[in-house]
PDB file of N, CA and C in Angstrom:
ATOM      1  N   MET A   1      93.878  58.727  80.923  1.00  0.00           N
ATOM      2  CA  MET A   1      93.563  58.984  82.312  1.00  0.00           C
ATOM      3  C   MET A   1      92.085  59.347  82.401  1.00  0.00           C
ATOM      4  N   THR A   2      91.425  58.823  83.368  1.00  0.00           N
ATOM      5  CA  THR A   2      90.012  59.131  83.569  1.00  0.00           C
ATOM      6  C   THR A   2      89.818  59.855  84.882  1.00  0.00           C
ATOM      7  N   ILE A   3      88.761  60.613  84.927  1.00  0.00           N
ATOM      8  CA  ILE A   3      88.418  61.343  86.149  1.00  0.00           C
ATOM      9  C   ILE A   3      87.317  60.566  86.857  1.00  0.00           C
ATOM     10  N   PRO A   4      87.495  60.275  88.144  1.00  0.00           N
ATOM     11  CA  PRO A   4      86.482  59.523  88.877  1.00  0.00           C
ATOM     12  C   PRO A   4      85.179  60.292  88.982  1.00  0.00           C
ATOM     13  N   PRO A   5      84.069  59.579  89.173  1.00  0.00           N
ATOM     14  CA  PRO A   5      82.783  60.257  89.339  1.00  0.00           C
ATOM     15  C   PRO A   5      82.851  61.239  90.506  1.00  0.00           C
ATOM     16  N   GLY A   6      82.276  62.397  90.325  1.00  0.00           N
ATOM     17  CA  GLY A   6      82.294  63.395  91.389  1.00  0.00           C
ATOM     18  C   GLY A   6      83.199  64.559  91.059  1.00  0.00           C
ATOM     19  N   GLY A   7      83.952  64.469  89.961  1.00  0.00           N
ATOM     20  CA  GLY A   7      84.712  65.645  89.544  1.00  0.00           C
ATOM     21  C   GLY A   7      86.210  65.528  89.657  1.00  0.00           C
ATOM     22  N   SER A   8      86.764  66.025  90.706  1.00  0.00           N
ATOM     23  CA  SER A   8      88.209  66.187  90.840  1.00  0.00           C
ATOM     24  C   SER A   8      88.914  64.884  91.176  1.00  0.00           C
ATOM     25  N   ASP A   9      90.169  64.783  90.729  1.00  0.00           N
ATOM     26  CA  ASP A   9      90.961  63.600  91.040  1.00  0.00           C
ATOM     27  C   ASP A   9      92.083  63.902  92.024  1.00  0.00           C
ATOM     28  N   ASP A  10      92.041  65.090  92.663  1.00  0.00           N
ATOM     29  CA  ASP A  10      93.120  65.439  93.590  1.00  0.00           C
ATOM     30  C   ASP A  10      92.977  64.761  94.941  1.00  0.00           C
ATOM     31  N   GLY A  11      91.805  64.308  95.289  1.00  0.00           N
ATOM     32  CA  GLY A  11      91.610  63.532  96.501  1.00  0.00           C
ATOM     33  C   GLY A  11      91.756  64.276  97.803  1.00  0.00           C
ATOM     34  N   GLY A  12      91.886  65.578  97.785  1.00  0.00           N
ATOM     35  CA  GLY A  12      92.049  66.312  99.033  1.00  0.00           C
ATOM     36  C   GLY A  12      91.398  67.673  98.955  1.00  0.00           C
ATOM     37  N   SER A  13      91.542  68.414 100.022  1.00  0.00           N
ATOM     38  CA  SER A  13      90.974  69.754 100.051  1.00  0.00           C
ATOM     39  C   SER A  13      91.955  70.738  99.425  1.00  0.00           C
ATOM     40  N   ALA A  14      91.452  71.900  99.114  1.00  0.00           N
ATOM     41  CA  ALA A  14      92.292  72.939  98.523  1.00  0.00           C
ATOM     42  C   ALA A  14      93.345  73.396  99.533  1.00  0.00           C
ATOM     43  N   VAL A  15      94.522  73.706  99.033  1.00  0.00           N
ATOM     44  CA  VAL A  15      95.611  74.174  99.890  1.00  0.00           C
ATOM     45  C   VAL A  15      95.382  75.646 100.193  1.00  0.00           C
ATOM     46  N   GLU A  16      95.433  75.987 101.462  1.00  0.00           N
ATOM     47  CA  GLU A  16      95.241  77.367 101.880  1.00  0.00           C
ATOM     48  C   GLU A  16      96.554  78.125 101.701  1.00  0.00           C
ATOM     49  N   PRO A  17      96.529  79.320 101.060  1.00  0.00           N
ATOM     50  CA  PRO A  17      97.759  80.078 100.862  1.00  0.00           C
ATOM     51  C   PRO A  17      98.366  80.526 102.193  1.00  0.00           C
ATOM     52  N   ALA A  18      99.682  80.559 102.243  1.00  0.00           N
ATOM     53  CA  ALA A  18     100.382  80.978 103.455  1.00  0.00           C
ATOM     54  C   ALA A  18     100.232  82.486 103.654  1.00  0.00           C
ATOM     55  N   ARG A  19     100.189  82.917 104.900  1.00  0.00           N
ATOM     56  CA  ARG A  19     100.126  84.340 105.207  1.00  0.00           C
ATOM     57  C   ARG A  19     101.489  84.976 104.953  1.00  0.00           C
ATOM     58  N   LEU A  20     101.464  86.212 104.478  1.00  0.00           N
ATOM     59  CA  LEU A  20     102.694  86.963 104.296  1.00  0.00           C
ATOM     60  C   LEU A  20     102.908  87.857 105.504  1.00  0.00           C
ATOM     61  N   VAL A  21     104.137  87.937 105.961  1.00  0.00           N
ATOM     62  CA  VAL A  21     104.483  88.777 107.101  1.00  0.00           C
ATOM     63  C   VAL A  21     105.617  89.695 106.685  1.00  0.00           C
ATOM     64  N   CYS A  22     105.467  90.995 106.940  1.00  0.00           N
ATOM     65  CA  CYS A  22     106.517  91.963 106.623  1.00  0.00           C
ATOM     66  C   CYS A  22     107.732  91.662 107.490  1.00  0.00           C
ATOM     67  N   ALA A  23     108.889  91.517 106.858  1.00  0.00           N
ATOM     68  CA  ALA A  23     110.119  91.197 107.570  1.00  0.00           C
ATOM     69  C   ALA A  23     110.623  92.376 108.397  1.00  0.00           C
ATOM     70  N   ARG A  24     110.095  93.569 108.154  1.00  0.00           N
ATOM     71  CA  ARG A  24     110.565  94.754 108.879  1.00  0.00           C
ATOM     72  C   ARG A  24     109.651  95.099 110.063  1.00  0.00           C
ATOM     73  N   CYS A  25     108.342  95.237 109.816  1.00  0.00           N
ATOM     74  CA  CYS A  25     107.443  95.708 110.884  1.00  0.00           C
ATOM     75  C   CYS A  25     106.532  94.621 111.438  1.00  0.00           C
ATOM     76  N   GLY A  26     106.441  93.468 110.743  1.00  0.00           N
ATOM     77  CA  GLY A  26     105.637  92.365 111.242  1.00  0.00           C
ATOM     78  C   GLY A  26     104.178  92.368 110.806  1.00  0.00           C
ATOM     79  N   LEU A  27     103.779  93.317 109.952  1.00  0.00           N
ATOM     80  CA  LEU A  27     102.410  93.346 109.444  1.00  0.00           C
ATOM     81  C   LEU A  27     102.114  92.032 108.733  1.00  0.00           C
ATOM     82  N   SER A  28     100.945  91.466 108.974  1.00  0.00           N
ATOM     83  CA  SER A  28     100.567  90.174 108.403  1.00  0.00           C
ATOM     84  C   SER A  28      99.322  90.320 107.540  1.00  0.00           C
ATOM     85  N   VAL A  29      99.337  89.702 106.356  1.00  0.00           N
ATOM     86  CA  VAL A  29      98.178  89.712 105.455  1.00  0.00           C
ATOM     87  C   VAL A  29      97.916  88.296 104.973  1.00  0.00           C
ATOM     88  N   ALA A  30      96.662  88.029 104.617  1.00  0.00           N
ATOM     89  CA  ALA A  30      96.261  86.682 104.216  1.00  0.00           C
ATOM     90  C   ALA A  30      96.664  86.338 102.793  1.00  0.00           C
ATOM     91  N   ALA A  31      96.725  87.328 101.914  1.00  0.00           N
ATOM     92  CA  ALA A  31      97.005  87.049 100.505  1.00  0.00           C
ATOM     93  C   ALA A  31      98.100  87.983 100.003  1.00  0.00           C
ATOM     94  N   PRO A  32      98.816  87.588  98.957  1.00  0.00           N
ATOM     95  CA  PRO A  32      99.837  88.465  98.377  1.00  0.00           C
ATOM     96  C   PRO A  32      99.244  89.814  97.960  1.00  0.00           C
ATOM     97  N   GLN A  33      99.977  90.865  98.199  1.00  0.00           N
ATOM     98  CA  GLN A  33      99.549  92.226  97.878  1.00  0.00           C
ATOM     99  C   GLN A  33     100.396  92.774  96.735  1.00  0.00           C
ATOM    100  N   LEU A  34      99.779  93.474  95.802  1.00  0.00           N
ATOM    101  CA  LEU A  34     100.511  94.028  94.664  1.00  0.00           C
ATOM    102  C   LEU A  34     101.525  95.079  95.070  1.00  0.00           C
ATOM    103  N   THR A  35     101.287  95.762  96.175  1.00  0.00           N
ATOM    104  CA  THR A  35     102.160  96.865  96.579  1.00  0.00           C
ATOM    105  C   THR A  35     103.309  96.429  97.483  1.00  0.00           C
ATOM    106  N   TRP A  36     103.391  95.160  97.807  1.00  0.00           N
ATOM    107  CA  TRP A  36     104.473  94.665  98.648  1.00  0.00           C
ATOM    108  C   TRP A  36     105.712  94.380  97.810  1.00  0.00           C
ATOM    109  N   THR A  37     106.871  94.358  98.458  1.00  0.00           N
ATOM    110  CA  THR A  37     108.143  94.080  97.804  1.00  0.00           C
ATOM    111  C   THR A  37     108.667  92.743  98.286  1.00  0.00           C
ATOM    112  N   CYS A  38     109.229  91.973  97.374  1.00  0.00           N
ATOM    113  CA  CYS A  38     109.842  90.687  97.720  1.00  0.00           C
ATOM    114  C   CYS A  38     111.333  90.786  97.455  1.00  0.00           C
ATOM    115  N   SER A  39     112.140  90.323  98.386  1.00  0.00           N
ATOM    116  CA  SER A  39     113.591  90.377  98.267  1.00  0.00           C
ATOM    117  C   SER A  39     114.178  89.024  98.672  1.00  0.00           C
ATOM    118  N   VAL A  40     115.253  88.620  98.006  1.00  0.00           N
ATOM    119  CA  VAL A  40     115.962  87.402  98.396  1.00  0.00           C
ATOM    120  C   VAL A  40     117.303  87.832  98.960  1.00  0.00           C
ATOM    121  N   GLU A  41     117.501  87.570 100.245  1.00  0.00           N
ATOM    122  CA  GLU A  41     118.731  87.952 100.937  1.00  0.00           C
ATOM    123  C   GLU A  41     119.345  86.715 101.568  1.00  0.00           C
ATOM    124  N   HIS A  42     120.576  86.405 101.190  1.00  0.00           N
ATOM    125  CA  HIS A  42     121.292  85.232 101.709  1.00  0.00           C
ATOM    126  C   HIS A  42     120.482  83.958 101.496  1.00  0.00           C
ATOM    127  N   GLY A  43     119.803  83.874 100.336  1.00  0.00           N
ATOM    128  CA  GLY A  43     119.033  82.684 100.000  1.00  0.00           C
ATOM    129  C   GLY A  43     117.667  82.584 100.654  1.00  0.00           C
ATOM    130  N   THR A  44     117.254  83.597 101.390  1.00  0.00           N
ATOM    131  CA  THR A  44     115.966  83.599 102.073  1.00  0.00           C
ATOM    132  C   THR A  44     115.063  84.658 101.463  1.00  0.00           C
ATOM    133  N   ARG A  45     113.826  84.270 101.128  1.00  0.00           N
ATOM    134  CA  ARG A  45     112.860  85.214 100.571  1.00  0.00           C
ATOM    135  C   ARG A  45     112.240  86.014 101.705  1.00  0.00           C
ATOM    136  N   ARG A  46     112.259  87.348 101.555  1.00  0.00           N
ATOM    137  CA  ARG A  46     111.689  88.236 102.568  1.00  0.00           C
ATOM    138  C   ARG A  46     110.695  89.165 101.890  1.00  0.00           C
ATOM    139  N   HIS A  47     109.583  89.447 102.563  1.00  0.00           N
ATOM    140  CA  HIS A  47     108.551  90.331 102.038  1.00  0.00           C
ATOM    141  C   HIS A  47     108.488  91.590 102.894  1.00  0.00           C
ATOM    142  N   PHE A  48     108.223  92.727 102.226  1.00  0.00           N
ATOM    143  CA  PHE A  48     108.123  94.005 102.922  1.00  0.00           C
ATOM    144  C   PHE A  48     106.833  94.699 102.511  1.00  0.00           C
ATOM    145  N   CYS A  49     106.108  95.225 103.492  1.00  0.00           N
ATOM    146  CA  CYS A  49     104.832  95.890 103.226  1.00  0.00           C
ATOM    147  C   CYS A  49     105.064  97.193 102.456  1.00  0.00           C
ATOM    148  N   GLU A  50     103.976  97.773 102.000  1.00  0.00           N
ATOM    149  CA  GLU A  50     104.070  98.996 101.201  1.00  0.00           C
ATOM    150  C   GLU A  50     104.752 100.123 101.988  1.00  0.00           C
ATOM    151  N   ARG A  51     104.380 100.304 103.245  1.00  0.00           N
ATOM    152  CA  ARG A  51     104.955 101.393 104.046  1.00  0.00           C
ATOM    153  C   ARG A  51     106.460 101.228 104.229  1.00  0.00           C
ATOM    154  N   CYS A  52     106.895 100.015 104.602  1.00  0.00           N
ATOM    155  CA  CYS A  52     108.328  99.779 104.804  1.00  0.00           C
ATOM    156  C   CYS A  52     109.097  99.897 103.490  1.00  0.00           C
ATOM    157  N   SER A  53     108.481  99.445 102.393  1.00  0.00           N
ATOM    158  CA  SER A  53     109.124  99.558 101.086  1.00  0.00           C
ATOM    159  C   SER A  53     109.319 101.023 100.699  1.00  0.00           C
ATOM    160  N   ARG A  54     108.280 101.839 100.897  1.00  0.00           N
ATOM    161  CA  ARG A  54     108.379 103.260 100.549  1.00  0.00           C
ATOM    162  C   ARG A  54     109.413 103.983 101.414  1.00  0.00           C
ATOM    163  N   GLU A  55     109.430 103.674 102.715  1.00  0.00           N
ATOM    164  CA  GLU A  55     110.358 104.349 103.624  1.00  0.00           C
ATOM    165  C   GLU A  55     111.808 104.003 103.326  1.00  0.00           C
ATOM    166  N   ASN A  56     112.067 102.869 102.696  1.00  0.00           N
ATOM    167  CA  ASN A  56     113.437 102.416 102.457  1.00  0.00           C
ATOM    168  C   ASN A  56     113.744 102.224 100.973  1.00  0.00           C
ATOM    169  N   LEU A  57     113.042 102.976 100.124  1.00  0.00           N
ATOM    170  CA  LEU A  57     113.172 102.824  98.685  1.00  0.00           C
ATOM    171  C   LEU A  57     114.609 103.007  98.188  1.00  0.00           C
ATOM    172  N   ARG A  58     115.308 104.012  98.669  1.00  0.00           N
ATOM    173  CA  ARG A  58     116.685 104.256  98.205  1.00  0.00           C
ATOM    174  C   ARG A  58     117.610 103.102  98.568  1.00  0.00           C
ATOM    175  N   SER A  59     117.440 102.536  99.743  1.00  0.00           N
ATOM    176  CA  SER A  59     118.261 101.392 100.150  1.00  0.00           C
ATOM    177  C   SER A  59     117.936 100.162  99.306  1.00  0.00           C
ATOM    178  N   ILE A  60     116.656  99.980  98.975  1.00  0.00           N
ATOM    179  CA  ILE A  60     116.254  98.845  98.143  1.00  0.00           C
ATOM    180  C   ILE A  60     116.869  98.993  96.755  1.00  0.00           C
ATOM    181  N   GLU A  61     116.761 100.193  96.161  1.00  0.00           N
ATOM    182  CA  GLU A  61     117.325 100.424  94.841  1.00  0.00           C
ATOM    183  C   GLU A  61     118.842 100.292  94.851  1.00  0.00           C
ATOM    184  N   GLY A  62     119.480 100.611  95.972  1.00  0.00           N
ATOM    185  CA  GLY A  62     120.924 100.477  96.109  1.00  0.00           C
ATOM    186  C   GLY A  62     121.355  99.048  96.414  1.00  0.00           C
ATOM    187  N   ARG A  63     120.378  98.150  96.488  1.00  0.00           N
ATOM    188  CA  ARG A  63     120.605  96.725  96.738  1.00  0.00           C
ATOM    189  C   ARG A  63     121.289  96.453  98.086  1.00  0.00           C
ATOM    190  N   LEU A  64     120.989  97.290  99.067  1.00  0.00           N
ATOM    191  CA  LEU A  64     121.496  97.040 100.408  1.00  0.00           C
ATOM    192  C   LEU A  64     120.620  95.994 101.086  1.00  0.00           C
ATOM    193  N   ASP A  65     121.221  95.063 101.810  1.00  0.00           N
ATOM    194  CA  ASP A  65     120.446  94.107 102.594  1.00  0.00           C
ATOM    195  C   ASP A  65     119.626  94.867 103.628  1.00  0.00           C
ATOM    196  N   SER A  66     118.486  94.347 103.993  1.00  0.00           N
ATOM    197  CA  SER A  66     117.600  95.022 104.945  1.00  0.00           C
ATOM    198  C   SER A  66     118.252  95.205 106.309  1.00  0.00           C
ATOM    199  N   ASP A  67     119.297  94.445 106.618  1.00  0.00           N
ATOM    200  CA  ASP A  67     120.015  94.636 107.884  1.00  0.00           C
ATOM    201  C   ASP A  67     120.627  96.045 107.965  1.00  0.00           C
ATOM    202  N   TRP A  68     120.915  96.658 106.811  1.00  0.00           N
ATOM    203  CA  TRP A  68     121.554  97.972 106.773  1.00  0.00           C
ATOM    204  C   TRP A  68     120.556  99.113 106.741  1.00  0.00           C
ATOM    205  N   TRP A  69     119.261  98.835 106.615  1.00  0.00           N
ATOM    206  CA  TRP A  69     118.279  99.901 106.572  1.00  0.00           C
ATOM    207  C   TRP A  69     118.207 100.543 107.919  1.00  0.00           C
TER     208      TRP A  69
END
């Protein structure tokens, strides 16, 4: 395989990362945050901000769906 003159062979622009939105309070951030929590509930990935994660830590550890928080 050869790379065409000019560098990259992807032929397009870089993909912009999707914004993350807290499933509880609606806070939106441009990039993934280390302090956020990710949960899969009923096959759907949900993200929770640091504040919502801290406020509901016992429910998260108890594996309760966020509907019960």
